[in-house]
Amino acid sequence: MPGTLEDIFSGKVFTFDISQAFLFAALVGVIIPALMIFLSVGLPAKISRRTNIIIATVYIPYMLFNLVGEAWPHMFLGAAIEVVLLILIIRYAWKWPTSQK
C-alpha cells in the first residue's frame, strides 16, 4: 500500500513502533500456525484436538484485527479465506476422535 515502506523506514507499522517486542510478537504470530501443522500430527489426538480448537479460535479475531485501518480488497479476500479455513479447522477438530488407534 502506498506509504507503507516509508512508515517502515521511519520505524512504524500501522500505529506500532518497530521494536524488539513488536518483532518478537510478529514472529510468534507466524510461528504458531506453522508449528500447528507439525503438532496436529505429532501430539496425542486429545491434546491436538484441543490445541487446534483453541489456536483457531484465537486466530480468527487476530486475523480480523489485521483489517483495522485502511484495507484493500485483496486483504479482505485473504482474511475471508483464512477465517473460513480456521472455522473448518475448528469444525474438523471438534469431530476428531479423542484417542488414536
PDB file of N, CA and C in Angstrom:
ATOM      1  N   MET A   1       0.851  -1.172   0.000  1.00  0.00           N
ATOM      2  CA  MET A   1       0.000   0.000   0.000  1.00  0.00           C
ATOM      3  C   MET A   1       0.899   1.238   0.000  1.00  0.00           C
ATOM      4  N   PRO A   2       0.492   2.268  -0.697  1.00  0.00           N
ATOM      5  CA  PRO A   2       1.315   3.483  -0.739  1.00  0.00           C
ATOM      6  C   PRO A   2       1.609   4.008   0.668  1.00  0.00           C
ATOM      7  N   GLY A   3       2.838   4.384   0.877  1.00  0.00           N
ATOM      8  CA  GLY A   3       3.246   4.941   2.158  1.00  0.00           C
ATOM      9  C   GLY A   3       3.723   3.918   3.170  1.00  0.00           C
ATOM     10  N   THR A   4       3.469   2.644   2.920  1.00  0.00           N
ATOM     11  CA  THR A   4       3.826   1.605   3.891  1.00  0.00           C
ATOM     12  C   THR A   4       5.334   1.496   4.071  1.00  0.00           C
ATOM     13  N   LEU A   5       6.062   1.495   2.975  1.00  0.00           N
ATOM     14  CA  LEU A   5       7.518   1.384   3.085  1.00  0.00           C
ATOM     15  C   LEU A   5       8.116   2.583   3.809  1.00  0.00           C
ATOM     16  N   GLU A   6       7.591   3.774   3.531  1.00  0.00           N
ATOM     17  CA  GLU A   6       8.095   4.957   4.213  1.00  0.00           C
ATOM     18  C   GLU A   6       7.845   4.861   5.721  1.00  0.00           C
ATOM     19  N   ASP A   7       6.673   4.337   6.100  1.00  0.00           N
ATOM     20  CA  ASP A   7       6.372   4.151   7.527  1.00  0.00           C
ATOM     21  C   ASP A   7       7.333   3.152   8.159  1.00  0.00           C
ATOM     22  N   ILE A   8       7.592   2.057   7.463  1.00  0.00           N
ATOM     23  CA  ILE A   8       8.508   1.043   7.991  1.00  0.00           C
ATOM     24  C   ILE A   8       9.909   1.630   8.139  1.00  0.00           C
ATOM     25  N   PHE A   9      10.351   2.388   7.134  1.00  0.00           N
ATOM     26  CA  PHE A   9      11.684   3.006   7.213  1.00  0.00           C
ATOM     27  C   PHE A   9      11.768   4.004   8.361  1.00  0.00           C
ATOM     28  N   SER A  10      10.632   4.607   8.719  1.00  0.00           N
ATOM     29  CA  SER A  10      10.641   5.553   9.843  1.00  0.00           C
ATOM     30  C   SER A  10      10.409   4.838  11.180  1.00  0.00           C
ATOM     31  N   GLY A  11      10.240   3.497  11.151  1.00  0.00           N
ATOM     32  CA  GLY A  11      10.150   2.732  12.387  1.00  0.00           C
ATOM     33  C   GLY A  11       8.745   2.477  12.881  1.00  0.00           C
ATOM     34  N   LYS A  12       7.751   2.527  11.986  1.00  0.00           N
ATOM     35  CA  LYS A  12       6.356   2.292  12.392  1.00  0.00           C
ATOM     36  C   LYS A  12       5.703   1.248  11.492  1.00  0.00           C
ATOM     37  N   VAL A  13       4.830   0.444  12.104  1.00  0.00           N
ATOM     38  CA  VAL A  13       3.948  -0.448  11.367  1.00  0.00           C
ATOM     39  C   VAL A  13       2.558  -0.165  11.899  1.00  0.00           C
ATOM     40  N   PHE A  14       1.693   0.336  11.026  1.00  0.00           N
ATOM     41  CA  PHE A  14       0.354   0.800  11.404  1.00  0.00           C
ATOM     42  C   PHE A  14       0.546   1.887  12.443  1.00  0.00           C
ATOM     43  N   THR A  15       0.216   1.678  13.694  1.00  0.00           N
ATOM     44  CA  THR A  15       0.472   2.678  14.739  1.00  0.00           C
ATOM     45  C   THR A  15       1.514   2.188  15.736  1.00  0.00           C
ATOM     46  N   PHE A  16       2.110   1.039  15.460  1.00  0.00           N
ATOM     47  CA  PHE A  16       3.045   0.427  16.396  1.00  0.00           C
ATOM     48  C   PHE A  16       4.488   0.777  16.031  1.00  0.00           C
ATOM     49  N   ASP A  17       5.290   1.081  17.057  1.00  0.00           N
ATOM     50  CA  ASP A  17       6.715   1.286  16.840  1.00  0.00           C
ATOM     51  C   ASP A  17       7.374  -0.071  16.593  1.00  0.00           C
ATOM     52  N   ILE A  18       8.285  -0.095  15.644  1.00  0.00           N
ATOM     53  CA  ILE A  18       9.028  -1.323  15.393  1.00  0.00           C
ATOM     54  C   ILE A  18      10.090  -1.433  16.487  1.00  0.00           C
ATOM     55  N   SER A  19       9.910  -2.419  17.350  1.00  0.00           N
ATOM     56  CA  SER A  19      10.818  -2.649  18.472  1.00  0.00           C
ATOM     57  C   SER A  19      11.092  -4.143  18.552  1.00  0.00           C
ATOM     58  N   GLN A  20      11.968  -4.519  19.470  1.00  0.00           N
ATOM     59  CA  GLN A  20      12.240  -5.939  19.670  1.00  0.00           C
ATOM     60  C   GLN A  20      10.969  -6.672  20.087  1.00  0.00           C
ATOM     61  N   ALA A  21      10.162  -6.053  20.949  1.00  0.00           N
ATOM     62  CA  ALA A  21       8.917  -6.686  21.402  1.00  0.00           C
ATOM     63  C   ALA A  21       7.944  -6.858  20.241  1.00  0.00           C
ATOM     64  N   PHE A  22       7.829  -5.835  19.381  1.00  0.00           N
ATOM     65  CA  PHE A  22       6.938  -5.927  18.222  1.00  0.00           C
ATOM     66  C   PHE A  22       7.397  -7.039  17.281  1.00  0.00           C
ATOM     67  N   LEU A  23       8.698  -7.076  17.006  1.00  0.00           N
ATOM     68  CA  LEU A  23       9.224  -8.102  16.103  1.00  0.00           C
ATOM     69  C   LEU A  23       9.061  -9.498  16.685  1.00  0.00           C
ATOM     70  N   PHE A  24       9.241  -9.639  17.994  1.00  0.00           N
ATOM     71  CA  PHE A  24       9.036 -10.939  18.642  1.00  0.00           C
ATOM     72  C   PHE A  24       7.582 -11.368  18.524  1.00  0.00           C
ATOM     73  N   ALA A  25       6.644 -10.438  18.776  1.00  0.00           N
ATOM     74  CA  ALA A  25       5.214 -10.752  18.669  1.00  0.00           C
ATOM     75  C   ALA A  25       4.847 -11.134  17.232  1.00  0.00           C
ATOM     76  N   ALA A  26       5.408 -10.427  16.259  1.00  0.00           N
ATOM     77  CA  ALA A  26       5.144 -10.752  14.858  1.00  0.00           C
ATOM     78  C   ALA A  26       5.691 -12.140  14.513  1.00  0.00           C
ATOM     79  N   LEU A  27       6.870 -12.458  15.027  1.00  0.00           N
ATOM     80  CA  LEU A  27       7.459 -13.777  14.788  1.00  0.00           C
ATOM     81  C   LEU A  27       6.597 -14.881  15.393  1.00  0.00           C
ATOM     82  N   VAL A  28       6.124 -14.682  16.609  1.00  0.00           N
ATOM     83  CA  VAL A  28       5.243 -15.661  17.249  1.00  0.00           C
ATOM     84  C   VAL A  28       3.972 -15.836  16.419  1.00  0.00           C
ATOM     85  N   GLY A  29       3.446 -14.713  15.895  1.00  0.00           N
ATOM     86  CA  GLY A  29       2.241 -14.770  15.075  1.00  0.00           C
ATOM     87  C   GLY A  29       2.409 -15.594  13.807  1.00  0.00           C
ATOM     88  N   VAL A  30       3.634 -15.702  13.328  1.00  0.00           N
ATOM     89  CA  VAL A  30       3.909 -16.507  12.138  1.00  0.00           C
ATOM     90  C   VAL A  30       4.290 -17.940  12.514  1.00  0.00           C
ATOM     91  N   ILE A  31       5.007 -18.103  13.613  1.00  0.00           N
ATOM     92  CA  ILE A  31       5.487 -19.432  14.011  1.00  0.00           C
ATOM     93  C   ILE A  31       4.345 -20.351  14.439  1.00  0.00           C
ATOM     94  N   ILE A  32       3.369 -19.820  15.169  1.00  0.00           N
ATOM     95  CA  ILE A  32       2.312 -20.675  15.723  1.00  0.00           C
ATOM     96  C   ILE A  32       1.554 -21.438  14.632  1.00  0.00           C
ATOM     97  N   PRO A  33       1.055 -20.787  13.571  1.00  0.00           N
ATOM     98  CA  PRO A  33       0.371 -21.580  12.541  1.00  0.00           C
ATOM     99  C   PRO A  33       1.292 -22.606  11.866  1.00  0.00           C
ATOM    100  N   ALA A  34       2.543 -22.244  11.640  1.00  0.00           N
ATOM    101  CA  ALA A  34       3.477 -23.193  11.029  1.00  0.00           C
ATOM    102  C   ALA A  34       3.725 -24.376  11.957  1.00  0.00           C
ATOM    103  N   LEU A  35       3.871 -24.106  13.240  1.00  0.00           N
ATOM    104  CA  LEU A  35       4.096 -25.158  14.226  1.00  0.00           C
ATOM    105  C   LEU A  35       2.873 -26.066  14.360  1.00  0.00           C
ATOM    106  N   MET A  36       1.683 -25.512  14.196  1.00  0.00           N
ATOM    107  CA  MET A  36       0.457 -26.301  14.333  1.00  0.00           C
ATOM    108  C   MET A  36       0.362 -27.394  13.281  1.00  0.00           C
ATOM    109  N   ILE A  37       0.970 -27.189  12.130  1.00  0.00           N
ATOM    110  CA  ILE A  37       0.958 -28.235  11.106  1.00  0.00           C
ATOM    111  C   ILE A  37       1.632 -29.487  11.659  1.00  0.00           C
ATOM    112  N   PHE A  38       2.806 -29.316  12.251  1.00  0.00           N
ATOM    113  CA  PHE A  38       3.508 -30.457  12.836  1.00  0.00           C
ATOM    114  C   PHE A  38       2.777 -30.991  14.068  1.00  0.00           C
ATOM    115  N   LEU A  39       2.349 -30.092  14.947  1.00  0.00           N
ATOM    116  CA  LEU A  39       1.725 -30.519  16.194  1.00  0.00           C
ATOM    117  C   LEU A  39       0.421 -31.287  15.963  1.00  0.00           C
ATOM    118  N   SER A  40      -0.275 -30.998  14.866  1.00  0.00           N
ATOM    119  CA  SER A  40      -1.511 -31.733  14.559  1.00  0.00           C
ATOM    120  C   SER A  40      -1.245 -33.214  14.369  1.00  0.00           C
ATOM    121  N   VAL A  41      -0.056 -33.529  13.911  1.00  0.00           N
ATOM    122  CA  VAL A  41       0.321 -34.929  13.695  1.00  0.00           C
ATOM    123  C   VAL A  41       1.133 -35.463  14.868  1.00  0.00           C
ATOM    124  N   GLY A  42       1.959 -34.613  15.469  1.00  0.00           N
ATOM    125  CA  GLY A  42       2.887 -35.064  16.489  1.00  0.00           C
ATOM    126  C   GLY A  42       2.320 -35.192  17.893  1.00  0.00           C
ATOM    127  N   LEU A  43       1.253 -34.469  18.196  1.00  0.00           N
ATOM    128  CA  LEU A  43       0.665 -34.538  19.536  1.00  0.00           C
ATOM    129  C   LEU A  43      -0.321 -35.697  19.641  1.00  0.00           C
ATOM    130  N   PRO A  44      -0.561 -36.175  20.843  1.00  0.00           N
ATOM    131  CA  PRO A  44      -1.640 -37.153  21.027  1.00  0.00           C
ATOM    132  C   PRO A  44      -2.971 -36.537  20.568  1.00  0.00           C
ATOM    133  N   ALA A  45      -3.881 -37.368  20.085  1.00  0.00           N
ATOM    134  CA  ALA A  45      -5.128 -36.890  19.467  1.00  0.00           C
ATOM    135  C   ALA A  45      -5.918 -35.949  20.367  1.00  0.00           C
ATOM    136  N   LYS A  46      -6.043 -36.275  21.638  1.00  0.00           N
ATOM    137  CA  LYS A  46      -6.847 -35.457  22.548  1.00  0.00           C
ATOM    138  C   LYS A  46      -6.249 -34.056  22.700  1.00  0.00           C
ATOM    139  N   ILE A  47      -4.939 -33.984  22.849  1.00  0.00           N
ATOM    140  CA  ILE A  47      -4.272 -32.690  23.002  1.00  0.00           C
ATOM    141  C   ILE A  47      -4.292 -31.922  21.685  1.00  0.00           C
ATOM    142  N   SER A  48      -4.062 -32.617  20.576  1.00  0.00           N
ATOM    143  CA  SER A  48      -4.075 -31.987  19.260  1.00  0.00           C
ATOM    144  C   SER A  48      -5.443 -31.377  18.964  1.00  0.00           C
ATOM    145  N   ARG A  49      -6.479 -32.104  19.304  1.00  0.00           N
ATOM    146  CA  ARG A  49      -7.848 -31.632  19.084  1.00  0.00           C
ATOM    147  C   ARG A  49      -8.077 -30.330  19.837  1.00  0.00           C
ATOM    148  N   ARG A  50      -7.766 -30.315  21.120  1.00  0.00           N
ATOM    149  CA  ARG A  50      -7.973 -29.113  21.945  1.00  0.00           C
ATOM    150  C   ARG A  50      -7.107 -27.956  21.469  1.00  0.00           C
ATOM    151  N   THR A  51      -5.855 -28.249  21.153  1.00  0.00           N
ATOM    152  CA  THR A  51      -4.933 -27.204  20.720  1.00  0.00           C
ATOM    153  C   THR A  51      -5.404 -26.559  19.423  1.00  0.00           C
ATOM    154  N   ASN A  52      -5.844 -27.351  18.471  1.00  0.00           N
ATOM    155  CA  ASN A  52      -6.342 -26.809  17.207  1.00  0.00           C
ATOM    156  C   ASN A  52      -7.570 -25.944  17.410  1.00  0.00           C
ATOM    157  N   ILE A  53      -8.475 -26.368  18.259  1.00  0.00           N
ATOM    158  CA  ILE A  53      -9.686 -25.581  18.521  1.00  0.00           C
ATOM    159  C   ILE A  53      -9.320 -24.249  19.172  1.00  0.00           C
ATOM    160  N   ILE A  54      -8.431 -24.289  20.157  1.00  0.00           N
ATOM    161  CA  ILE A  54      -8.050 -23.061  20.875  1.00  0.00           C
ATOM    162  C   ILE A  54      -7.296 -22.099  19.966  1.00  0.00           C
ATOM    163  N   ILE A  55      -6.288 -22.598  19.269  1.00  0.00           N
ATOM    164  CA  ILE A  55      -5.476 -21.729  18.410  1.00  0.00           C
ATOM    165  C   ILE A  55      -6.321 -21.129  17.286  1.00  0.00           C
ATOM    166  N   ALA A  56      -7.164 -21.922  16.652  1.00  0.00           N
ATOM    167  CA  ALA A  56      -8.013 -21.400  15.574  1.00  0.00           C
ATOM    168  C   ALA A  56      -8.979 -20.351  16.112  1.00  0.00           C
ATOM    169  N   THR A  57      -9.512 -20.570  17.293  1.00  0.00           N
ATOM    170  CA  THR A  57     -10.438 -19.607  17.902  1.00  0.00           C
ATOM    171  C   THR A  57      -9.726 -18.289  18.206  1.00  0.00           C
ATOM    172  N   VAL A  58      -8.481 -18.358  18.641  1.00  0.00           N
ATOM    173  CA  VAL A  58      -7.710 -17.145  18.944  1.00  0.00           C
ATOM    174  C   VAL A  58      -7.301 -16.425  17.658  1.00  0.00           C
ATOM    175  N   TYR A  59      -7.006 -17.175  16.613  1.00  0.00           N
ATOM    176  CA  TYR A  59      -6.525 -16.560  15.383  1.00  0.00           C
ATOM    177  C   TYR A  59      -7.618 -15.878  14.563  1.00  0.00           C
ATOM    178  N   ILE A  60      -8.867 -16.206  14.747  1.00  0.00           N
ATOM    179  CA  ILE A  60      -9.926 -15.528  13.996  1.00  0.00           C
ATOM    180  C   ILE A  60      -9.956 -14.039  14.330  1.00  0.00           C
ATOM    181  N   PRO A  61     -10.052 -13.639  15.607  1.00  0.00           N
ATOM    182  CA  PRO A  61     -10.024 -12.191  15.876  1.00  0.00           C
ATOM    183  C   PRO A  61      -8.683 -11.547  15.511  1.00  0.00           C
ATOM    184  N   TYR A  62      -7.585 -12.288  15.665  1.00  0.00           N
ATOM    185  CA  TYR A  62      -6.262 -11.777  15.278  1.00  0.00           C
ATOM    186  C   TYR A  62      -6.248 -11.444  13.785  1.00  0.00           C
ATOM    187  N   MET A  63      -6.804 -12.322  12.978  1.00  0.00           N
ATOM    188  CA  MET A  63      -6.860 -12.099  11.532  1.00  0.00           C
ATOM    189  C   MET A  63      -7.738 -10.892  11.207  1.00  0.00           C
ATOM    190  N   LEU A  64      -8.866 -10.788  11.877  1.00  0.00           N
ATOM    191  CA  LEU A  64      -9.776  -9.663  11.616  1.00  0.00           C
ATOM    192  C   LEU A  64      -9.187  -8.343  12.085  1.00  0.00           C
ATOM    193  N   PHE A  65      -8.384  -8.367  13.167  1.00  0.00           N
ATOM    194  CA  PHE A  65      -7.707  -7.161  13.646  1.00  0.00           C
ATOM    195  C   PHE A  65      -6.785  -6.596  12.579  1.00  0.00           C
ATOM    196  N   ASN A  66      -6.200  -7.463  11.777  1.00  0.00           N
ATOM    197  CA  ASN A  66      -5.295  -7.009  10.724  1.00  0.00           C
ATOM    198  C   ASN A  66      -5.998  -6.184   9.649  1.00  0.00           C
ATOM    199  N   LEU A  67      -7.330  -6.195   9.644  1.00  0.00           N
ATOM    200  CA  LEU A  67      -8.082  -5.408   8.673  1.00  0.00           C
ATOM    201  C   LEU A  67      -8.409  -4.007   9.187  1.00  0.00           C
ATOM    202  N   VAL A  68      -8.078  -3.723  10.449  1.00  0.00           N
ATOM    203  CA  VAL A  68      -8.365  -2.405  11.029  1.00  0.00           C
ATOM    204  C   VAL A  68      -7.543  -1.359  10.298  1.00  0.00           C
ATOM    205  N   GLY A  69      -8.147  -0.216  10.068  1.00  0.00           N
ATOM    206  CA  GLY A  69      -7.467   0.851   9.337  1.00  0.00           C
ATOM    207  C   GLY A  69      -7.753   0.718   7.854  1.00  0.00           C
ATOM    208  N   GLU A  70      -6.832   1.188   7.061  1.00  0.00           N
ATOM    209  CA  GLU A  70      -7.003   1.137   5.616  1.00  0.00           C
ATOM    210  C   GLU A  70      -6.721  -0.266   5.107  1.00  0.00           C
ATOM    211  N   ALA A  71      -7.699  -0.884   4.498  1.00  0.00           N
ATOM    212  CA  ALA A  71      -7.528  -2.238   3.954  1.00  0.00           C
ATOM    213  C   ALA A  71      -7.990  -2.243   2.499  1.00  0.00           C
ATOM    214  N   TRP A  72      -7.289  -2.985   1.705  1.00  0.00           N
ATOM    215  CA  TRP A  72      -7.612  -3.096   0.296  1.00  0.00           C
ATOM    216  C   TRP A  72      -8.368  -4.392   0.043  1.00  0.00           C
ATOM    217  N   PRO A  73      -9.057  -4.487  -1.116  1.00  0.00           N
ATOM    218  CA  PRO A  73      -9.857  -5.689  -1.399  1.00  0.00           C
ATOM    219  C   PRO A  73      -9.085  -6.999  -1.274  1.00  0.00           C
ATOM    220  N   HIS A  74      -7.825  -7.034  -1.689  1.00  0.00           N
ATOM    221  CA  HIS A  74      -7.062  -8.285  -1.594  1.00  0.00           C
ATOM    222  C   HIS A  74      -6.867  -8.691  -0.135  1.00  0.00           C
ATOM    223  N   MET A  75      -6.815  -7.713   0.772  1.00  0.00           N
ATOM    224  CA  MET A  75      -6.668  -8.025   2.195  1.00  0.00           C
ATOM    225  C   MET A  75      -7.955  -8.647   2.742  1.00  0.00           C
ATOM    226  N   PHE A  76      -9.107  -8.118   2.298  1.00  0.00           N
ATOM    227  CA  PHE A  76     -10.387  -8.696   2.723  1.00  0.00           C
ATOM    228  C   PHE A  76     -10.545 -10.116   2.193  1.00  0.00           C
ATOM    229  N   LEU A  77     -10.135 -10.343   0.954  1.00  0.00           N
ATOM    230  CA  LEU A  77     -10.218 -11.688   0.379  1.00  0.00           C
ATOM    231  C   LEU A  77      -9.328 -12.660   1.159  1.00  0.00           C
ATOM    232  N   GLY A  78      -8.082 -12.257   1.417  1.00  0.00           N
ATOM    233  CA  GLY A  78      -7.179 -13.112   2.177  1.00  0.00           C
ATOM    234  C   GLY A  78      -7.708 -13.413   3.570  1.00  0.00           C
ATOM    235  N   ALA A  79      -8.249 -12.389   4.235  1.00  0.00           N
ATOM    236  CA  ALA A  79      -8.798 -12.584   5.581  1.00  0.00           C
ATOM    237  C   ALA A  79     -10.013 -13.498   5.543  1.00  0.00           C
ATOM    238  N   ALA A  80     -10.865 -13.325   4.544  1.00  0.00           N
ATOM    239  CA  ALA A  80     -12.061 -14.167   4.438  1.00  0.00           C
ATOM    240  C   ALA A  80     -11.674 -15.630   4.234  1.00  0.00           C
ATOM    241  N   ILE A  81     -10.710 -15.870   3.373  1.00  0.00           N
ATOM    242  CA  ILE A  81     -10.261 -17.249   3.136  1.00  0.00           C
ATOM    243  C   ILE A  81      -9.659 -17.832   4.408  1.00  0.00           C
ATOM    244  N   GLU A  82      -8.835 -17.058   5.101  1.00  0.00           N
ATOM    245  CA  GLU A  82      -8.210 -17.573   6.321  1.00  0.00           C
ATOM    246  C   GLU A  82      -9.243 -17.848   7.407  1.00  0.00           C
ATOM    247  N   VAL A  83     -10.233 -16.959   7.554  1.00  0.00           N
ATOM    248  CA  VAL A  83     -11.271 -17.179   8.567  1.00  0.00           C
ATOM    249  C   VAL A  83     -12.081 -18.427   8.235  1.00  0.00           C
ATOM    250  N   VAL A  84     -12.414 -18.623   6.975  1.00  0.00           N
ATOM    251  CA  VAL A  84     -13.147 -19.836   6.574  1.00  0.00           C
ATOM    252  C   VAL A  84     -12.313 -21.076   6.896  1.00  0.00           C
ATOM    253  N   LEU A  85     -11.024 -21.043   6.582  1.00  0.00           N
ATOM    254  CA  LEU A  85     -10.159 -22.188   6.888  1.00  0.00           C
ATOM    255  C   LEU A  85     -10.054 -22.429   8.393  1.00  0.00           C
ATOM    256  N   LEU A  86      -9.979 -21.367   9.179  1.00  0.00           N
ATOM    257  CA  LEU A  86      -9.924 -21.529  10.633  1.00  0.00           C
ATOM    258  C   LEU A  86     -11.222 -22.113  11.178  1.00  0.00           C
ATOM    259  N   ILE A  87     -12.345 -21.696  10.624  1.00  0.00           N
ATOM    260  CA  ILE A  87     -13.635 -22.275  11.035  1.00  0.00           C
ATOM    261  C   ILE A  87     -13.686 -23.754  10.674  1.00  0.00           C
ATOM    262  N   LEU A  88     -13.167 -24.103   9.502  1.00  0.00           N
ATOM    263  CA  LEU A  88     -13.118 -25.522   9.116  1.00  0.00           C
ATOM    264  C   LEU A  88     -12.199 -26.315  10.038  1.00  0.00           C
ATOM    265  N   ILE A  89     -11.076 -25.719  10.449  1.00  0.00           N
ATOM    266  CA  ILE A  89     -10.176 -26.395  11.389  1.00  0.00           C
ATOM    267  C   ILE A  89     -10.911 -26.672  12.696  1.00  0.00           C
ATOM    268  N   ILE A  90     -11.637 -25.680  13.196  1.00  0.00           N
ATOM    269  CA  ILE A  90     -12.406 -25.864  14.434  1.00  0.00           C
ATOM    270  C   ILE A  90     -13.423 -26.980  14.248  1.00  0.00           C
ATOM    271  N   ARG A  91     -14.130 -26.954  13.142  1.00  0.00           N
ATOM    272  CA  ARG A  91     -15.175 -27.955  12.884  1.00  0.00           C
ATOM    273  C   ARG A  91     -14.603 -29.370  12.806  1.00  0.00           C
ATOM    274  N   TYR A  92     -13.517 -29.527  12.027  1.00  0.00           N
ATOM    275  CA  TYR A  92     -12.919 -30.854  11.896  1.00  0.00           C
ATOM    276  C   TYR A  92     -12.293 -31.321  13.207  1.00  0.00           C
ATOM    277  N   ALA A  93     -11.625 -30.413  13.915  1.00  0.00           N
ATOM    278  CA  ALA A  93     -11.011 -30.791  15.190  1.00  0.00           C
ATOM    279  C   ALA A  93     -12.070 -31.184  16.209  1.00  0.00           C
ATOM    280  N   TRP A  94     -13.208 -30.512  16.170  1.00  0.00           N
ATOM    281  CA  TRP A  94     -14.304 -30.833  17.095  1.00  0.00           C
ATOM    282  C   TRP A  94     -14.783 -32.269  16.899  1.00  0.00           C
ATOM    283  N   LYS A  95     -14.722 -32.750  15.653  1.00  0.00           N
ATOM    284  CA  LYS A  95     -15.207 -34.085  15.330  1.00  0.00           C
ATOM    285  C   LYS A  95     -14.119 -35.163  15.421  1.00  0.00           C
ATOM    286  N   TRP A  96     -12.868 -34.760  15.657  1.00  0.00           N
ATOM    287  CA  TRP A  96     -11.795 -35.734  15.770  1.00  0.00           C
ATOM    288  C   TRP A  96     -12.049 -36.667  16.932  1.00  0.00           C
ATOM    289  N   PRO A  97     -11.561 -37.889  16.821  1.00  0.00           N
ATOM    290  CA  PRO A  97     -11.637 -38.778  17.992  1.00  0.00           C
ATOM    291  C   PRO A  97     -10.704 -38.267  19.085  1.00  0.00           C
ATOM    292  N   THR A  98     -11.009 -38.600  20.323  1.00  0.00           N
ATOM    293  CA  THR A  98     -10.161 -38.139  21.424  1.00  0.00           C
ATOM    294  C   THR A  98      -8.976 -39.058  21.667  1.00  0.00           C
ATOM    295  N   SER A  99      -8.929 -40.199  20.970  1.00  0.00           N
ATOM    296  CA  SER A  99      -7.771 -41.083  21.104  1.00  0.00           C
ATOM    297  C   SER A  99      -7.425 -41.649  19.738  1.00  0.00           C
ATOM    298  N   GLN A 100      -6.149 -41.985  19.571  1.00  0.00           N
ATOM    299  CA  GLN A 100      -5.695 -42.571  18.316  1.00  0.00           C
ATOM    300  C   GLN A 100      -5.711 -44.080  18.432  1.00  0.00           C
ATOM    301  N   LYS A 101      -5.915 -44.741  17.302  1.00  0.00           N
ATOM    302  CA  LYS A 101      -5.946 -46.205  17.287  1.00  0.00           C
ATOM    303  C   LYS A 101      -4.621 -46.764  16.895  1.00  0.00           C
TER     304      LYS A 101
END
